[in-house]
């Protein structure tokens, strides 16, 4: 998940936990509060453990159920100055936390970064897989697990989708297309793969032929503007999208190649990530340095 401009490389800061997790249930309750922490993505692990990545520090944090402390879970400070994290995804079936780790390339103008898909033991934080995205400049951003149990990964720049088959340690190029320059959120809805474009405010369906080969992304017409679509997950038959450019969380109802947009929360400060869990939607509110939760619309 990615807010590309203008604050990609903020100064490192430590998250400050402001309320008891046990009390945090809906919109008025703040989980993490620090205007400098810039939580970019978040995911829920088994047992109600919330895992939050930071776009301004080299740490991934976790908050245990009933705890009042955000603990450092992953420490990537040895990776190089300015290292930070984007996408977070907990896979309970393999006890794995998937992350996107980004490290700036020193002395480059315009700024470049090397990124890696990394996985860790969801319980202990021990490293598992590391796969460096190919090329001199790339942005590993977000991912989703498909019906085939493979991991599908977005690379915002230059605009690619990679596929990591179940049990593999090296990903393969799944799709590269000019429409994917700016690709960000990715998820499956009813077995169909959807991606959004954070730069051009687009939503696409990825068609697949009988052999499993993906085709040219299909533009989904939305009945109202969606500005800066970022983190995206599927829940209750809809796509839940964080709009980092408008401060909204929206639910998209897909009907063929059209989408009906319903705003379910507005007034947020740069929301970049969403995580639907049961009757709750967790939100990474990057601009405010906090994570909040709202009730899932019925």
Protein backbone atom coordinates (compact mmCIF):
# COMPACT_ATOMS: atom_id res chain seq x y z
CA UNK A 1 0.00 0.00 0.00
CA UNK A 2 1.47 3.26 -0.94
CA UNK A 3 1.23 7.01 -0.61
CA UNK A 4 3.87 7.81 -3.21
CA UNK A 5 3.95 11.56 -2.95
CA UNK A 6 5.07 13.74 -1.25
CA UNK A 7 6.11 12.08 2.01
CA UNK A 8 7.58 8.76 0.98
CA UNK A 9 10.76 9.19 3.01
CA UNK A 10 9.73 10.65 6.36
CA UNK A 11 11.99 10.69 9.38
CA UNK A 12 11.96 7.60 11.55
CA UNK A 13 9.75 7.67 14.59
CA UNK A 14 8.48 5.28 17.23
CA UNK A 15 4.81 4.44 17.46
CA UNK A 16 3.09 5.49 20.67
CA UNK A 17 0.20 3.40 21.79
CA UNK A 18 -2.50 5.57 23.31
CA UNK A 19 -5.34 3.30 24.36
CA UNK A 20 -5.96 -0.23 25.52
CA UNK A 21 -6.47 -2.59 22.60
CA UNK A 22 -9.28 -4.20 24.55
CA UNK A 23 -11.15 -0.90 24.47
CA UNK A 24 -10.53 -0.16 20.79
CA UNK A 25 -13.53 -1.26 18.81
CA UNK A 26 -14.98 1.45 16.63
CA UNK A 27 -14.28 4.75 14.93
CA UNK A 28 -13.84 6.98 17.98
CA UNK A 29 -11.19 4.68 19.46
CA UNK A 30 -7.59 5.41 18.51
CA UNK A 31 -5.20 2.50 18.52
CA UNK A 32 -1.86 4.04 17.57
CA UNK A 33 -1.35 7.79 17.90
CA UNK A 34 1.78 9.57 16.72
CA UNK A 35 1.69 12.00 13.82
CA UNK A 36 5.18 10.86 12.79
CA UNK A 37 4.63 7.12 12.79
CA UNK A 38 2.94 6.93 9.36
CA UNK A 39 1.40 3.46 9.61
CA UNK A 40 1.07 2.40 5.97
CA UNK A 41 -0.46 -1.07 6.14
CA UNK A 42 -1.85 -3.37 8.78
CA UNK A 43 -3.07 -6.91 9.15
CA UNK A 44 -4.72 -9.06 11.79
CA UNK A 45 -2.98 -12.21 12.99
CA UNK A 46 -4.68 -15.08 14.83
CA UNK A 47 -5.73 -14.31 18.39
CA UNK A 48 -6.58 -10.70 17.61
CA UNK A 49 -2.96 -9.57 17.29
CA UNK A 50 -2.77 -6.43 15.14
CA UNK A 51 0.41 -6.04 13.08
CA UNK A 52 1.29 -2.60 11.74
CA UNK A 53 4.07 -1.56 9.38
CA UNK A 54 5.62 1.90 9.38
CA UNK A 55 6.49 4.01 6.33
CA UNK A 56 8.81 6.17 8.43
CA UNK A 57 10.76 3.65 10.49
CA UNK A 58 12.49 0.31 9.86
CA UNK A 59 10.13 -1.53 12.19
CA UNK A 60 7.01 -3.66 12.09
CA UNK A 61 5.00 -3.46 15.29
CA UNK A 62 2.44 -5.72 16.89
CA UNK A 63 -0.18 -5.09 19.53
CA UNK A 64 -1.36 -8.08 21.50
CA UNK A 65 -4.95 -8.46 22.59
CA UNK A 66 -5.43 -6.61 25.88
CA UNK A 67 -2.02 -4.92 25.68
CA UNK A 68 -1.39 -1.19 26.02
CA UNK A 69 2.03 -1.36 24.32
CA UNK A 70 2.98 -1.47 20.65
CA UNK A 71 5.93 -3.86 20.56
CA UNK A 72 8.68 -3.90 17.96
CA UNK A 73 8.16 -7.17 16.13
CA UNK A 74 10.47 -6.87 13.10
CA UNK A 75 13.64 -4.75 13.15
CA UNK A 76 15.14 -3.97 9.72
CA UNK A 77 17.40 -1.12 10.87
CA UNK A 78 20.48 -3.05 9.70
CA UNK A 79 19.20 -3.00 6.11
CA UNK A 80 20.31 0.58 5.49
CA UNK A 81 19.31 4.18 6.24
CA UNK A 82 15.72 5.06 5.45
CA UNK A 83 14.44 1.47 5.32
CA UNK A 84 10.69 1.20 5.85
CA UNK A 85 7.70 -1.03 5.12
CA UNK A 86 4.59 -1.01 2.94
CA UNK A 87 2.28 -4.02 2.59
CA UNK A 88 1.45 -6.34 5.50
CA UNK A 89 -0.42 -9.62 5.18
CA UNK A 90 -0.84 -12.35 7.78
CA UNK A 91 -1.30 -15.88 6.40
CA UNK A 92 -2.50 -17.99 9.30
CA UNK A 93 -2.47 -21.20 7.23
CA UNK A 94 1.34 -21.10 6.99
CA UNK A 95 2.00 -19.01 10.11
CA UNK A 96 3.60 -16.38 7.88
CA UNK A 97 3.73 -12.60 7.84
CA UNK A 98 4.32 -11.22 4.35
CA UNK A 99 5.88 -7.75 4.09
CA UNK A 100 7.22 -5.31 1.50
CA UNK A 101 10.51 -3.80 2.61
CA UNK A 102 11.86 -0.68 0.86
CA UNK A 103 15.36 0.78 1.13
CA UNK A 104 16.42 4.01 -0.65
CA UNK A 105 19.40 3.90 -3.02
CA UNK A 106 21.90 6.49 -1.73
CA UNK A 107 22.75 9.56 -3.82
CA UNK A 108 20.20 9.03 -6.60
CA UNK A 109 18.26 11.84 -8.30
CA UNK A 110 15.42 11.31 -8.80
CA UNK A 111 15.28 9.06 -5.78
CA UNK A 112 15.37 5.32 -6.39
CA UNK A 113 14.73 2.45 -4.04
CA UNK A 114 15.37 -1.26 -3.89
CA UNK A 115 12.56 -3.36 -2.50
CA UNK A 116 12.17 -6.89 -1.29
CA UNK A 117 9.34 -9.26 -0.59
CA UNK A 118 10.04 -10.67 2.85
CA UNK A 119 8.29 -13.18 5.06
CA UNK A 120 8.61 -13.87 8.76
CA UNK A 121 7.32 -16.38 11.24
CA UNK A 122 4.02 -14.94 12.40
CA UNK A 123 4.65 -16.04 15.98
CA UNK A 124 8.34 -15.41 16.56
CA UNK A 125 9.28 -12.90 13.85
CA UNK A 126 12.07 -15.18 12.60
CA UNK A 127 12.97 -14.48 8.93
CA UNK A 128 11.76 -16.91 6.28
CA UNK A 129 11.85 -15.88 2.60
CA UNK A 130 13.55 -12.90 1.02
CA UNK A 131 13.06 -12.17 -2.68
CA UNK A 132 14.47 -8.98 -4.17
CA UNK A 133 12.36 -7.51 -6.93
CA UNK A 134 14.24 -7.31 -10.24
CA UNK A 135 15.48 -4.01 -11.63
CA UNK A 136 17.29 -0.90 -10.43
CA UNK A 137 14.16 0.88 -9.17
CA UNK A 138 10.98 -0.78 -7.94
CA UNK A 139 8.26 -0.48 -5.33
CA UNK A 140 6.99 -3.69 -3.77
CA UNK A 141 3.67 -2.46 -2.47
CA UNK A 142 0.96 -4.95 -1.57
CA UNK A 143 -0.15 -8.53 -2.09
CA UNK A 144 -2.98 -11.00 -1.85
CA UNK A 145 -3.30 -14.77 -1.68
CA UNK A 146 -5.20 -16.29 -4.60
CA UNK A 147 -7.51 -19.30 -4.80
CA UNK A 148 -4.44 -21.24 -5.98
CA UNK A 149 -2.66 -20.35 -2.69
CA UNK A 150 -0.08 -18.32 -4.64
CA UNK A 151 0.94 -14.86 -3.49
CA UNK A 152 0.27 -12.05 -6.00
CA UNK A 153 2.49 -8.99 -5.53
CA UNK A 154 2.16 -5.46 -6.91
CA UNK A 155 5.20 -3.48 -8.06
CA UNK A 156 3.99 0.11 -8.33
CA UNK A 157 6.99 1.33 -10.31
CA UNK A 158 7.55 0.28 -13.10
CA UNK A 159 4.09 -1.33 -12.97
CA UNK A 160 4.07 -5.10 -12.65
CA UNK A 161 2.37 -7.98 -10.88
CA UNK A 162 4.48 -10.90 -9.70
CA UNK A 163 3.32 -14.34 -8.61
CA UNK A 164 4.93 -16.45 -5.91
CA UNK A 165 3.58 -20.01 -6.19
CA UNK A 166 2.73 -21.78 -2.94
CA UNK A 167 5.88 -23.30 -1.45
CA UNK A 168 8.22 -21.39 -3.78
CA UNK A 169 10.92 -18.95 -2.70
CA UNK A 170 11.26 -17.03 -5.98
CA UNK A 171 8.44 -15.11 -7.65
CA UNK A 172 7.78 -14.97 -11.38
CA UNK A 173 6.47 -12.15 -13.55
CA UNK A 174 2.71 -12.56 -13.83
CA UNK A 175 1.72 -9.44 -15.77
CA UNK A 176 3.32 -6.24 -17.01
CA UNK A 177 1.22 -3.63 -18.79
CA UNK A 178 1.30 0.15 -19.28
CA UNK A 179 -1.95 0.47 -17.30
CA UNK A 180 -0.18 -0.97 -14.26
CA UNK A 181 2.19 1.99 -13.85
CA UNK A 182 0.91 3.05 -10.41
CA UNK A 183 -0.59 -0.32 -9.45
CA UNK A 184 -1.17 -0.49 -5.70
CA UNK A 185 -3.98 -2.41 -4.00
CA UNK A 186 -4.69 -5.98 -5.07
CA UNK A 187 -7.25 -8.56 -4.01
CA UNK A 188 -9.45 -11.40 -5.23
CA UNK A 189 -13.23 -11.03 -5.16
CA UNK A 190 -15.26 -14.14 -5.96
CA UNK A 191 -12.21 -15.70 -7.60
CA UNK A 192 -11.48 -12.71 -9.84
CA UNK A 193 -8.34 -10.60 -9.44
CA UNK A 194 -8.74 -6.82 -9.10
CA UNK A 195 -6.07 -4.13 -8.81
CA UNK A 196 -6.22 -0.39 -8.42
CA UNK A 197 -3.97 2.41 -9.65
CA UNK A 198 -3.01 5.00 -7.03
CA UNK A 199 -1.62 7.48 -9.59
CA UNK A 200 -4.40 7.45 -12.17
CA UNK A 201 -7.37 6.71 -9.85
CA UNK A 202 -8.36 3.53 -11.67
CA UNK A 203 -9.73 0.08 -10.88
CA UNK A 204 -8.98 -2.89 -13.11
CA UNK A 205 -10.10 -6.48 -13.47
CA UNK A 206 -7.41 -8.93 -14.58
CA UNK A 207 -8.92 -11.35 -17.11
CA UNK A 208 -7.51 -14.87 -17.29
CA UNK A 209 -7.83 -17.26 -20.25
CA UNK A 210 -8.46 -21.00 -20.13
CA UNK A 211 -4.77 -21.72 -19.71
CA UNK A 212 -4.48 -19.38 -16.72
CA UNK A 213 -2.63 -16.67 -18.64
CA UNK A 214 -3.60 -13.09 -17.65
CA UNK A 215 -4.69 -10.63 -20.31
CA UNK A 216 -4.85 -6.85 -20.67
CA UNK A 217 -6.36 -5.25 -17.54
CA UNK A 218 -10.02 -4.28 -17.99
CA UNK A 219 -10.95 -0.78 -16.84
CA UNK A 220 -13.84 -0.87 -14.34
CA UNK A 221 -16.03 2.21 -14.66
CA UNK A 222 -16.84 3.68 -11.23
CA UNK A 223 -19.99 5.76 -10.75
CA UNK A 224 -18.19 8.39 -8.72
CA UNK A 225 -14.56 9.49 -8.42
CA UNK A 226 -12.19 7.50 -6.22
CA UNK A 227 -9.11 9.58 -5.46
CA UNK A 228 -5.84 7.87 -4.65
CA UNK A 229 -7.09 4.28 -4.32
CA UNK A 230 -4.58 2.53 -2.07
CA UNK A 231 -4.99 -0.51 0.18
CA UNK A 232 -7.82 -2.76 -0.98
CA UNK A 233 -9.38 -5.89 0.46
CA UNK A 234 -12.50 -7.94 -0.28
CA UNK A 235 -15.23 -8.43 2.32
CA UNK A 236 -18.91 -9.34 2.24
CA UNK A 237 -18.99 -9.44 -1.55
CA UNK A 238 -17.49 -5.97 -2.00
CA UNK A 239 -14.13 -4.30 -2.47
CA UNK A 240 -13.13 -2.14 0.51
CA UNK A 241 -10.76 0.62 -0.62
CA UNK A 242 -8.73 3.26 1.20
CA UNK A 243 -8.70 6.55 -0.74
CA UNK A 244 -5.54 8.32 0.35
CA UNK A 245 -6.29 11.37 -1.79
CA UNK A 246 -9.75 12.10 -0.41
CA UNK A 247 -9.59 10.79 3.15
CA UNK A 248 -12.27 8.18 2.57
CA UNK A 249 -12.94 4.48 2.96
CA UNK A 250 -15.28 3.25 0.24
CA UNK A 251 -17.09 0.02 -0.55
CA UNK A 252 -17.28 -0.91 -4.24
CA UNK A 253 -20.04 -3.16 -5.51
CA UNK A 254 -18.95 -4.78 -8.76
CA UNK A 255 -21.43 -5.54 -11.53
CA UNK A 256 -19.62 -6.72 -14.63
CA UNK A 257 -17.28 -3.95 -15.73
CA UNK A 258 -18.98 -1.32 -13.58
CA UNK A 259 -18.67 -0.46 -9.90
CA UNK A 260 -21.02 1.37 -7.57
CA UNK A 261 -19.10 3.39 -4.98
CA UNK A 262 -20.44 3.88 -1.44
CA UNK A 263 -18.47 6.02 1.01
CA UNK A 264 -18.50 4.38 4.44
CA UNK A 265 -16.08 6.73 6.23
CA UNK A 266 -14.71 10.16 5.38
CA UNK A 267 -12.74 12.89 7.11
CA UNK A 268 -9.66 10.69 7.52
CA UNK A 269 -6.10 11.98 7.17
CA UNK A 270 -4.51 10.01 4.34
CA UNK A 271 -5.86 6.49 4.87
CA UNK A 272 -3.58 4.00 3.13
CA UNK A 273 -4.53 0.55 4.40
CA UNK A 274 -7.65 -1.44 5.28
CA UNK A 275 -8.15 -4.79 6.99
CA UNK A 276 -11.70 -6.16 7.26
CA UNK A 277 -12.02 -8.52 10.22
CA UNK A 278 -15.48 -9.86 11.00
CA UNK A 279 -17.75 -6.91 11.69
CA UNK A 280 -14.87 -4.42 11.87
CA UNK A 281 -12.68 -2.59 9.37
CA UNK A 282 -9.24 -1.58 10.61
CA UNK A 283 -7.72 1.48 8.91
CA UNK A 284 -4.12 2.68 8.68
CA UNK A 285 -4.53 6.47 8.85
CA UNK A 286 -1.04 7.37 7.74
CA UNK A 287 -1.34 11.16 7.76
CA UNK A 288 -2.55 11.18 11.36
CA UNK A 289 -0.10 8.55 12.55
CA UNK A 290 -2.75 6.23 13.90
CA UNK A 291 -4.82 3.13 13.28
CA UNK A 292 -8.57 3.22 13.87
CA UNK A 293 -11.45 0.82 13.47
CA UNK A 294 -14.98 1.33 12.16
CA UNK A 295 -17.96 -1.04 11.99
CA UNK A 296 -18.39 -3.03 8.82
CA UNK A 297 -21.44 -1.77 6.91
CA UNK A 298 -24.27 -4.23 6.66
